[in-house]
Amino acid sequence: MFEEEITITLIKPVVIGKGDAAITYEELKLREPTAGEIEKATRADTSVGAAITLISLIAAIPRTAAEKLCKRDLVAANNFLEGFTDAGPSEVEAGQS
């Protein structure tokens, strides 16, 4: 069983803008994606682009902020989101090898 929602505290907070107008993102609040969000994300040319789009849509952050995530934060968010698109654990993961 997996969580339906998760808050990921970013290893490296993302700052968009400068000075007083700067916005800092310190966490991502993620949930199960909707069919429409998945469809929008699959329009991307690469799997990384699809992950960035999906994170942006679900976490409600600008795509430019999602593009600035460090690799570890991107992987953590993507691993959570992929749990909803997979058919479940493989036979090996379920201990039926």
PDB file of N, CA and C in Angstrom:
ATOM      1  N   MET A   1       0.852  -1.187   0.000  1.00  0.00           N
ATOM      2  CA  MET A   1       0.000   0.000   0.000  1.00  0.00           C
ATOM      3  C   MET A   1       0.889   1.238   0.000  1.00  0.00           C
ATOM      4  N   PHE A   2       0.505   2.241  -0.743  1.00  0.00           N
ATOM      5  CA  PHE A   2       1.300   3.452  -0.788  1.00  0.00           C
ATOM      6  C   PHE A   2       0.435   4.658  -0.421  1.00  0.00           C
ATOM      7  N   GLU A   3       1.116   5.719  -0.055  1.00  0.00           N
ATOM      8  CA  GLU A   3       0.420   6.945   0.315  1.00  0.00           C
ATOM      9  C   GLU A   3      -0.195   7.594  -0.918  1.00  0.00           C
ATOM     10  N   GLU A   4      -1.338   8.247  -0.730  1.00  0.00           N
ATOM     11  CA  GLU A   4      -1.978   8.946  -1.837  1.00  0.00           C
ATOM     12  C   GLU A   4      -1.489  10.376  -1.955  1.00  0.00           C
ATOM     13  N   GLU A   5      -0.945  10.919  -0.868  1.00  0.00           N
ATOM     14  CA  GLU A   5      -0.382  12.259  -0.874  1.00  0.00           C
ATOM     15  C   GLU A   5       0.923  12.242  -0.097  1.00  0.00           C
ATOM     16  N   ILE A   6       1.827  13.126  -0.490  1.00  0.00           N
ATOM     17  CA  ILE A   6       3.117  13.205   0.178  1.00  0.00           C
ATOM     18  C   ILE A   6       3.639  14.635   0.055  1.00  0.00           C
ATOM     19  N   THR A   7       4.378  15.064   1.076  1.00  0.00           N
ATOM     20  CA  THR A   7       5.079  16.344   1.007  1.00  0.00           C
ATOM     21  C   THR A   7       6.561  16.034   1.033  1.00  0.00           C
ATOM     22  N   ILE A   8       7.257  16.462  -0.004  1.00  0.00           N
ATOM     23  CA  ILE A   8       8.700  16.244  -0.095  1.00  0.00           C
ATOM     24  C   ILE A   8       9.403  17.555   0.244  1.00  0.00           C
ATOM     25  N   THR A   9      10.221  17.530   1.284  1.00  0.00           N
ATOM     26  CA  THR A   9      11.045  18.690   1.617  1.00  0.00           C
ATOM     27  C   THR A   9      12.249  18.664   0.683  1.00  0.00           C
ATOM     28  N   LEU A  10      12.433  19.743  -0.043  1.00  0.00           N
ATOM     29  CA  LEU A  10      13.503  19.783  -1.045  1.00  0.00           C
ATOM     30  C   LEU A  10      14.880  19.826  -0.392  1.00  0.00           C
ATOM     31  N   ILE A  11      15.796  19.046  -0.949  1.00  0.00           N
ATOM     32  CA  ILE A  11      17.181  19.054  -0.509  1.00  0.00           C
ATOM     33  C   ILE A  11      17.791  20.416  -0.807  1.00  0.00           C
ATOM     34  N   LYS A  12      17.470  20.923  -1.995  1.00  0.00           N
ATOM     35  CA  LYS A  12      17.941  22.245  -2.421  1.00  0.00           C
ATOM     36  C   LYS A  12      16.721  23.081  -2.789  1.00  0.00           C
ATOM     37  N   PRO A  13      16.297  23.997  -1.901  1.00  0.00           N
ATOM     38  CA  PRO A  13      15.154  24.847  -2.241  1.00  0.00           C
ATOM     39  C   PRO A  13      15.387  25.595  -3.549  1.00  0.00           C
ATOM     40  N   VAL A  14      14.301  25.835  -4.260  1.00  0.00           N
ATOM     41  CA  VAL A  14      14.359  26.502  -5.563  1.00  0.00           C
ATOM     42  C   VAL A  14      13.891  27.944  -5.393  1.00  0.00           C
ATOM     43  N   VAL A  15      14.671  28.887  -5.929  1.00  0.00           N
ATOM     44  CA  VAL A  15      14.309  30.301  -5.869  1.00  0.00           C
ATOM     45  C   VAL A  15      14.031  30.793  -7.284  1.00  0.00           C
ATOM     46  N   ILE A  16      12.867  31.408  -7.448  1.00  0.00           N
ATOM     47  CA  ILE A  16      12.482  31.997  -8.729  1.00  0.00           C
ATOM     48  C   ILE A  16      12.360  33.504  -8.513  1.00  0.00           C
ATOM     49  N   GLY A  17      12.982  34.282  -9.376  1.00  0.00           N
ATOM     50  CA  GLY A  17      12.934  35.737  -9.260  1.00  0.00           C
ATOM     51  C   GLY A  17      14.092  36.257  -8.426  1.00  0.00           C
ATOM     52  N   LYS A  18      14.110  37.572  -8.236  1.00  0.00           N
ATOM     53  CA  LYS A  18      15.205  38.203  -7.495  1.00  0.00           C
ATOM     54  C   LYS A  18      14.668  39.241  -6.531  1.00  0.00           C
ATOM     55  N   GLY A  19      15.460  39.510  -5.509  1.00  0.00           N
ATOM     56  CA  GLY A  19      15.125  40.561  -4.549  1.00  0.00           C
ATOM     57  C   GLY A  19      13.833  40.293  -3.808  1.00  0.00           C
ATOM     58  N   ASP A  20      13.046  41.364  -3.608  1.00  0.00           N
ATOM     59  CA  ASP A  20      11.793  41.256  -2.863  1.00  0.00           C
ATOM     60  C   ASP A  20      10.749  40.424  -3.598  1.00  0.00           C
ATOM     61  N   ALA A  21      10.902  40.293  -4.909  1.00  0.00           N
ATOM     62  CA  ALA A  21       9.932  39.534  -5.707  1.00  0.00           C
ATOM     63  C   ALA A  21      10.270  38.041  -5.770  1.00  0.00           C
ATOM     64  N   ALA A  22      11.377  37.634  -5.172  1.00  0.00           N
ATOM     65  CA  ALA A  22      11.790  36.231  -5.237  1.00  0.00           C
ATOM     66  C   ALA A  22      10.816  35.334  -4.475  1.00  0.00           C
ATOM     67  N   ILE A  23      10.567  34.180  -5.057  1.00  0.00           N
ATOM     68  CA  ILE A  23       9.718  33.169  -4.419  1.00  0.00           C
ATOM     69  C   ILE A  23      10.575  31.928  -4.213  1.00  0.00           C
ATOM     70  N   THR A  24      10.583  31.415  -2.984  1.00  0.00           N
ATOM     71  CA  THR A  24      11.358  30.219  -2.667  1.00  0.00           C
ATOM     72  C   THR A  24      10.410  29.045  -2.452  1.00  0.00           C
ATOM     73  N   TYR A  25      10.702  27.956  -3.143  1.00  0.00           N
ATOM     74  CA  TYR A  25       9.941  26.714  -2.976  1.00  0.00           C
ATOM     75  C   TYR A  25      10.807  25.767  -2.156  1.00  0.00           C
ATOM     76  N   GLU A  26      10.305  25.394  -0.970  1.00  0.00           N
ATOM     77  CA  GLU A  26      11.070  24.533  -0.070  1.00  0.00           C
ATOM     78  C   GLU A  26      10.515  23.122  -0.001  1.00  0.00           C
ATOM     79  N   GLU A  27       9.315  22.922  -0.547  1.00  0.00           N
ATOM     80  CA  GLU A  27       8.709  21.598  -0.521  1.00  0.00           C
ATOM     81  C   GLU A  27       7.776  21.423  -1.710  1.00  0.00           C
ATOM     82  N   LEU A  28       7.494  20.171  -1.998  1.00  0.00           N
ATOM     83  CA  LEU A  28       6.537  19.817  -3.046  1.00  0.00           C
ATOM     84  C   LEU A  28       5.421  19.016  -2.392  1.00  0.00           C
ATOM     85  N   LYS A  29       4.188  19.440  -2.611  1.00  0.00           N
ATOM     86  CA  LYS A  29       3.040  18.672  -2.131  1.00  0.00           C
ATOM     87  C   LYS A  29       2.490  17.917  -3.333  1.00  0.00           C
ATOM     88  N   LEU A  30       2.615  16.614  -3.273  1.00  0.00           N
ATOM     89  CA  LEU A  30       2.223  15.772  -4.403  1.00  0.00           C
ATOM     90  C   LEU A  30       1.055  14.876  -4.022  1.00  0.00           C
ATOM     91  N   ARG A  31       0.276  14.509  -5.028  1.00  0.00           N
ATOM     92  CA  ARG A  31      -0.877  13.619  -4.861  1.00  0.00           C
ATOM     93  C   ARG A  31      -1.000  12.787  -6.128  1.00  0.00           C
ATOM     94  N   GLU A  32      -1.965  11.920  -6.121  1.00  0.00           N
ATOM     95  CA  GLU A  32      -2.195  11.095  -7.310  1.00  0.00           C
ATOM     96  C   GLU A  32      -2.570  11.991  -8.490  1.00  0.00           C
ATOM     97  N   PRO A  33      -1.915  11.812  -9.634  1.00  0.00           N
ATOM     98  CA  PRO A  33      -2.239  12.635 -10.809  1.00  0.00           C
ATOM     99  C   PRO A  33      -3.590  12.248 -11.403  1.00  0.00           C
ATOM    100  N   THR A  34      -4.226  13.235 -12.029  1.00  0.00           N
ATOM    101  CA  THR A  34      -5.475  12.967 -12.740  1.00  0.00           C
ATOM    102  C   THR A  34      -5.137  12.504 -14.159  1.00  0.00           C
ATOM    103  N   ALA A  35      -6.125  11.954 -14.831  1.00  0.00           N
ATOM    104  CA  ALA A  35      -5.922  11.507 -16.213  1.00  0.00           C
ATOM    105  C   ALA A  35      -5.498  12.677 -17.096  1.00  0.00           C
ATOM    106  N   GLY A  36      -6.108  13.834 -16.901  1.00  0.00           N
ATOM    107  CA  GLY A  36      -5.767  15.012 -17.694  1.00  0.00           C
ATOM    108  C   GLY A  36      -4.339  15.466 -17.469  1.00  0.00           C
ATOM    109  N   GLU A  37      -3.873  15.406 -16.234  1.00  0.00           N
ATOM    110  CA  GLU A  37      -2.488  15.785 -15.926  1.00  0.00           C
ATOM    111  C   GLU A  37      -1.505  14.815 -16.576  1.00  0.00           C
ATOM    112  N   ILE A  38      -1.821  13.543 -16.534  1.00  0.00           N
ATOM    113  CA  ILE A  38      -0.956  12.547 -17.170  1.00  0.00           C
ATOM    114  C   ILE A  38      -0.920  12.786 -18.672  1.00  0.00           C
ATOM    115  N   GLU A  39      -2.071  13.077 -19.252  1.00  0.00           N
ATOM    116  CA  GLU A  39      -2.142  13.317 -20.693  1.00  0.00           C
ATOM    117  C   GLU A  39      -1.305  14.528 -21.083  1.00  0.00           C
ATOM    118  N   LYS A  40      -1.389  15.609 -20.316  1.00  0.00           N
ATOM    119  CA  LYS A  40      -0.577  16.808 -20.597  1.00  0.00           C
ATOM    120  C   LYS A  40       0.907  16.503 -20.479  1.00  0.00           C
ATOM    121  N   ALA A  41       1.283  15.729 -19.467  1.00  0.00           N
ATOM    122  CA  ALA A  41       2.692  15.411 -19.250  1.00  0.00           C
ATOM    123  C   ALA A  41       3.253  14.531 -20.361  1.00  0.00           C
ATOM    124  N   THR A  42       2.434  13.641 -20.914  1.00  0.00           N
ATOM    125  CA  THR A  42       2.934  12.730 -21.941  1.00  0.00           C
ATOM    126  C   THR A  42       3.173  13.429 -23.274  1.00  0.00           C
ATOM    127  N   ARG A  43       2.760  14.683 -23.395  1.00  0.00           N
ATOM    128  CA  ARG A  43       3.038  15.443 -24.612  1.00  0.00           C
ATOM    129  C   ARG A  43       4.500  15.890 -24.692  1.00  0.00           C
ATOM    130  N   ALA A  44       5.223  15.798 -23.597  1.00  0.00           N
ATOM    131  CA  ALA A  44       6.627  16.212 -23.573  1.00  0.00           C
ATOM    132  C   ALA A  44       7.463  15.305 -24.482  1.00  0.00           C
ATOM    133  N   ASP A  45       8.563  15.847 -24.965  1.00  0.00           N
ATOM    134  CA  ASP A  45       9.435  15.104 -25.883  1.00  0.00           C
ATOM    135  C   ASP A  45      10.307  14.070 -25.184  1.00  0.00           C
ATOM    136  N   THR A  46      10.550  14.237 -23.886  1.00  0.00           N
ATOM    137  CA  THR A  46      11.428  13.314 -23.159  1.00  0.00           C
ATOM    138  C   THR A  46      10.749  12.867 -21.868  1.00  0.00           C
ATOM    139  N   SER A  47      11.258  11.799 -21.276  1.00  0.00           N
ATOM    140  CA  SER A  47      10.692  11.333 -20.010  1.00  0.00           C
ATOM    141  C   SER A  47      10.968  12.337 -18.897  1.00  0.00           C
ATOM    142  N   VAL A  48      12.109  13.012 -18.946  1.00  0.00           N
ATOM    143  CA  VAL A  48      12.415  14.038 -17.943  1.00  0.00           C
ATOM    144  C   VAL A  48      11.455  15.213 -18.114  1.00  0.00           C
ATOM    145  N   GLY A  49      11.197  15.596 -19.353  1.00  0.00           N
ATOM    146  CA  GLY A  49      10.243  16.666 -19.610  1.00  0.00           C
ATOM    147  C   GLY A  49       8.857  16.322 -19.107  1.00  0.00           C
ATOM    148  N   ALA A  50       8.459  15.076 -19.277  1.00  0.00           N
ATOM    149  CA  ALA A  50       7.160  14.626 -18.784  1.00  0.00           C
ATOM    150  C   ALA A  50       7.112  14.701 -17.259  1.00  0.00           C
ATOM    151  N   ALA A  51       8.194  14.300 -16.607  1.00  0.00           N
ATOM    152  CA  ALA A  51       8.263  14.353 -15.141  1.00  0.00           C
ATOM    153  C   ALA A  51       8.187  15.796 -14.655  1.00  0.00           C
ATOM    154  N   ILE A  52       8.912  16.704 -15.304  1.00  0.00           N
ATOM    155  CA  ILE A  52       8.900  18.117 -14.925  1.00  0.00           C
ATOM    156  C   ILE A  52       7.491  18.684 -15.070  1.00  0.00           C
ATOM    157  N   THR A  53       6.834  18.379 -16.181  1.00  0.00           N
ATOM    158  CA  THR A  53       5.480  18.880 -16.410  1.00  0.00           C
ATOM    159  C   THR A  53       4.520  18.340 -15.359  1.00  0.00           C
ATOM    160  N   LEU A  54       4.598  17.045 -15.077  1.00  0.00           N
ATOM    161  CA  LEU A  54       3.695  16.441 -14.107  1.00  0.00           C
ATOM    162  C   LEU A  54       3.919  17.021 -12.713  1.00  0.00           C
ATOM    163  N   ILE A  55       5.159  17.188 -12.311  1.00  0.00           N
ATOM    164  CA  ILE A  55       5.463  17.774 -10.999  1.00  0.00           C
ATOM    165  C   ILE A  55       4.916  19.192 -10.927  1.00  0.00           C
ATOM    166  N   SER A  56       5.126  19.963 -11.978  1.00  0.00           N
ATOM    167  CA  SER A  56       4.630  21.336 -12.022  1.00  0.00           C
ATOM    168  C   SER A  56       3.111  21.383 -11.869  1.00  0.00           C
ATOM    169  N   LEU A  57       2.409  20.533 -12.600  1.00  0.00           N
ATOM    170  CA  LEU A  57       0.948  20.507 -12.549  1.00  0.00           C
ATOM    171  C   LEU A  57       0.427  20.091 -11.178  1.00  0.00           C
ATOM    172  N   ILE A  58       0.992  19.049 -10.614  1.00  0.00           N
ATOM    173  CA  ILE A  58       0.475  18.498  -9.365  1.00  0.00           C
ATOM    174  C   ILE A  58       0.877  19.333  -8.152  1.00  0.00           C
ATOM    175  N   ALA A  59       2.118  19.800  -8.131  1.00  0.00           N
ATOM    176  CA  ALA A  59       2.589  20.594  -6.995  1.00  0.00           C
ATOM    177  C   ALA A  59       2.131  22.052  -7.092  1.00  0.00           C
ATOM    178  N   ALA A  60       1.527  22.409  -8.227  1.00  0.00           N
ATOM    179  CA  ALA A  60       1.049  23.784  -8.462  1.00  0.00           C
ATOM    180  C   ALA A  60       2.184  24.796  -8.330  1.00  0.00           C
ATOM    181  N   ILE A  61       3.296  24.473  -8.977  1.00  0.00           N
ATOM    182  CA  ILE A  61       4.427  25.399  -9.037  1.00  0.00           C
ATOM    183  C   ILE A  61       4.701  25.706 -10.506  1.00  0.00           C
ATOM    184  N   PRO A  62       5.322  26.844 -10.798  1.00  0.00           N
ATOM    185  CA  PRO A  62       5.637  27.143 -12.195  1.00  0.00           C
ATOM    186  C   PRO A  62       6.584  26.090 -12.772  1.00  0.00           C
ATOM    187  N   ARG A  63       6.442  25.827 -14.054  1.00  0.00           N
ATOM    188  CA  ARG A  63       7.324  24.848 -14.703  1.00  0.00           C
ATOM    189  C   ARG A  63       8.782  25.260 -14.549  1.00  0.00           C
ATOM    190  N   THR A  64       9.058  26.569 -14.581  1.00  0.00           N
ATOM    191  CA  THR A  64      10.450  27.029 -14.417  1.00  0.00           C
ATOM    192  C   THR A  64      11.006  26.625 -13.055  1.00  0.00           C
ATOM    193  N   ALA A  65      10.163  26.562 -12.027  1.00  0.00           N
ATOM    194  CA  ALA A  65      10.618  26.104 -10.712  1.00  0.00           C
ATOM    195  C   ALA A  65      10.905  24.605 -10.747  1.00  0.00           C
ATOM    196  N   ALA A  66      10.023  23.848 -11.377  1.00  0.00           N
ATOM    197  CA  ALA A  66      10.234  22.399 -11.479  1.00  0.00           C
ATOM    198  C   ALA A  66      11.501  22.087 -12.276  1.00  0.00           C
ATOM    199  N   GLU A  67      11.797  22.912 -13.272  1.00  0.00           N
ATOM    200  CA  GLU A  67      13.008  22.718 -14.079  1.00  0.00           C
ATOM    201  C   GLU A  67      14.279  22.929 -13.261  1.00  0.00           C
ATOM    202  N   LYS A  68      14.199  23.659 -12.161  1.00  0.00           N
ATOM    203  CA  LYS A  68      15.377  23.955 -11.343  1.00  0.00           C
ATOM    204  C   LYS A  68      15.577  22.970 -10.198  1.00  0.00           C
ATOM    205  N   LEU A  69      14.714  21.964 -10.089  1.00  0.00           N
ATOM    206  CA  LEU A  69      14.895  20.965  -9.043  1.00  0.00           C
ATOM    207  C   LEU A  69      16.226  20.246  -9.235  1.00  0.00           C
ATOM    208  N   CYS A  70      16.913  19.964  -8.125  1.00  0.00           N
ATOM    209  CA  CYS A  70      18.125  19.156  -8.251  1.00  0.00           C
ATOM    210  C   CYS A  70      17.711  17.723  -8.583  1.00  0.00           C
ATOM    211  N   LYS A  71      18.653  16.954  -9.063  1.00  0.00           N
ATOM    212  CA  LYS A  71      18.335  15.591  -9.520  1.00  0.00           C
ATOM    213  C   LYS A  71      17.718  14.745  -8.410  1.00  0.00           C
ATOM    214  N   ARG A  72      18.247  14.828  -7.200  1.00  0.00           N
ATOM    215  CA  ARG A  72      17.717  14.003  -6.104  1.00  0.00           C
ATOM    216  C   ARG A  72      16.268  14.350  -5.796  1.00  0.00           C
ATOM    217  N   ASP A  73      15.919  15.654  -5.824  1.00  0.00           N
ATOM    218  CA  ASP A  73      14.534  16.046  -5.579  1.00  0.00           C
ATOM    219  C   ASP A  73      13.635  15.598  -6.729  1.00  0.00           C
ATOM    220  N   LEU A  74      14.123  15.734  -7.956  1.00  0.00           N
ATOM    221  CA  LEU A  74      13.364  15.296  -9.131  1.00  0.00           C
ATOM    222  C   LEU A  74      13.097  13.795  -9.051  1.00  0.00           C
ATOM    223  N   VAL A  75      14.108  13.020  -8.703  1.00  0.00           N
ATOM    224  CA  VAL A  75      13.967  11.564  -8.607  1.00  0.00           C
ATOM    225  C   VAL A  75      12.973  11.185  -7.506  1.00  0.00           C
ATOM    226  N   ALA A  76      13.051  11.853  -6.358  1.00  0.00           N
ATOM    227  CA  ALA A  76      12.136  11.540  -5.248  1.00  0.00           C
ATOM    228  C   ALA A  76      10.686  11.806  -5.653  1.00  0.00           C
ATOM    229  N   ALA A  77      10.449  12.943  -6.289  1.00  0.00           N
ATOM    230  CA  ALA A  77       9.091  13.281  -6.721  1.00  0.00           C
ATOM    231  C   ALA A  77       8.618  12.314  -7.802  1.00  0.00           C
ATOM    232  N   ASN A  78       9.491  12.035  -8.757  1.00  0.00           N
ATOM    233  CA  ASN A  78       9.126  11.153  -9.861  1.00  0.00           C
ATOM    234  C   ASN A  78       8.853   9.732  -9.365  1.00  0.00           C
ATOM    235  N   ASN A  79       9.641   9.251  -8.411  1.00  0.00           N
ATOM    236  CA  ASN A  79       9.418   7.908  -7.865  1.00  0.00           C
ATOM    237  C   ASN A  79       8.039   7.799  -7.231  1.00  0.00           C
ATOM    238  N   PHE A  80       7.623   8.842  -6.504  1.00  0.00           N
ATOM    239  CA  PHE A  80       6.297   8.833  -5.897  1.00  0.00           C
ATOM    240  C   PHE A  80       5.213   8.800  -6.976  1.00  0.00           C
ATOM    241  N   LEU A  81       5.350   9.674  -7.968  1.00  0.00           N
ATOM    242  CA  LEU A  81       4.330   9.771  -9.015  1.00  0.00           C
ATOM    243  C   LEU A  81       4.264   8.516  -9.872  1.00  0.00           C
ATOM    244  N   GLU A  82       5.400   7.872 -10.118  1.00  0.00           N
ATOM    245  CA  GLU A  82       5.403   6.652 -10.923  1.00  0.00           C
ATOM    246  C   GLU A  82       4.654   5.522 -10.239  1.00  0.00           C
ATOM    247  N   GLY A  83       4.523   5.573  -8.939  1.00  0.00           N
ATOM    248  CA  GLY A  83       3.792   4.543  -8.205  1.00  0.00           C
ATOM    249  C   GLY A  83       2.327   4.469  -8.606  1.00  0.00           C
ATOM    250  N   PHE A  84       1.800   5.568  -9.150  1.00  0.00           N
ATOM    251  CA  PHE A  84       0.399   5.584  -9.566  1.00  0.00           C
ATOM    252  C   PHE A  84       0.210   5.109 -10.998  1.00  0.00           C
ATOM    253  N   THR A  85       1.276   5.161 -11.800  1.00  0.00           N
ATOM    254  CA  THR A  85       1.126   4.797 -13.202  1.00  0.00           C
ATOM    255  C   THR A  85       1.530   3.360 -13.476  1.00  0.00           C
ATOM    256  N   ASP A  86       2.265   2.761 -12.558  1.00  0.00           N
ATOM    257  CA  ASP A  86       2.644   1.366 -12.727  1.00  0.00           C
ATOM    258  C   ASP A  86       1.469   0.478 -12.356  1.00  0.00           C
ATOM    259  N   ALA A  87       1.485  -0.712 -12.882  1.00  0.00           N
ATOM    260  CA  ALA A  87       0.397  -1.672 -12.605  1.00  0.00           C
ATOM    261  C   ALA A  87       0.514  -2.263 -11.205  1.00  0.00           C
ATOM    262  N   GLY A  88       1.568  -1.906 -10.480  1.00  0.00           N
ATOM    263  CA  GLY A  88       1.803  -2.445  -9.150  1.00  0.00           C
ATOM    264  C   GLY A  88       3.156  -3.116  -9.140  1.00  0.00           C
ATOM    265  N   PRO A  89       3.502  -3.746  -8.021  1.00  0.00           N
ATOM    266  CA  PRO A  89       4.812  -4.378  -7.959  1.00  0.00           C
ATOM    267  C   PRO A  89       4.923  -5.551  -8.934  1.00  0.00           C
ATOM    268  N   SER A  90       6.103  -5.711  -9.480  1.00  0.00           N
ATOM    269  CA  SER A  90       6.316  -6.852 -10.378  1.00  0.00           C
ATOM    270  C   SER A  90       6.313  -8.130  -9.553  1.00  0.00           C
ATOM    271  N   GLU A  91       6.292  -9.258 -10.214  1.00  0.00           N
ATOM    272  CA  GLU A  91       6.288 -10.527  -9.500  1.00  0.00           C
ATOM    273  C   GLU A  91       7.519 -10.675  -8.624  1.00  0.00           C
ATOM    274  N   VAL A  92       8.644 -10.173  -9.114  1.00  0.00           N
ATOM    275  CA  VAL A  92       9.877 -10.264  -8.331  1.00  0.00           C
ATOM    276  C   VAL A  92       9.743  -9.413  -7.068  1.00  0.00           C
ATOM    277  N   GLU A  93       9.233  -8.177  -7.209  1.00  0.00           N
ATOM    278  CA  GLU A  93       9.073  -7.295  -6.058  1.00  0.00           C
ATOM    279  C   GLU A  93       8.068  -7.877  -5.070  1.00  0.00           C
ATOM    280  N   ALA A  94       7.078  -8.588  -5.553  1.00  0.00           N
ATOM    281  CA  ALA A  94       6.055  -9.160  -4.691  1.00  0.00           C
ATOM    282  C   ALA A  94       6.524 -10.482  -4.067  1.00  0.00           C
ATOM    283  N   GLY A  95       7.745 -10.893  -4.354  1.00  0.00           N
ATOM    284  CA  GLY A  95       8.300 -12.108  -3.770  1.00  0.00           C
ATOM    285  C   GLY A  95       7.868 -13.373  -4.486  1.00  0.00           C
ATOM    286  N   GLN A  96       7.468 -13.284  -5.737  1.00  0.00           N
ATOM    287  CA  GLN A  96       6.993 -14.453  -6.465  1.00  0.00           C
ATOM    288  C   GLN A  96       7.926 -14.781  -7.642  1.00  0.00           C
ATOM    289  N   SER A  97       9.223 -14.632  -7.416  1.00  0.00           N
ATOM    290  CA  SER A  97      10.160 -14.872  -8.517  1.00  0.00           C
ATOM    291  C   SER A  97      10.348 -16.337  -8.814  1.00  0.00           C
TER     292      SER A  97
END
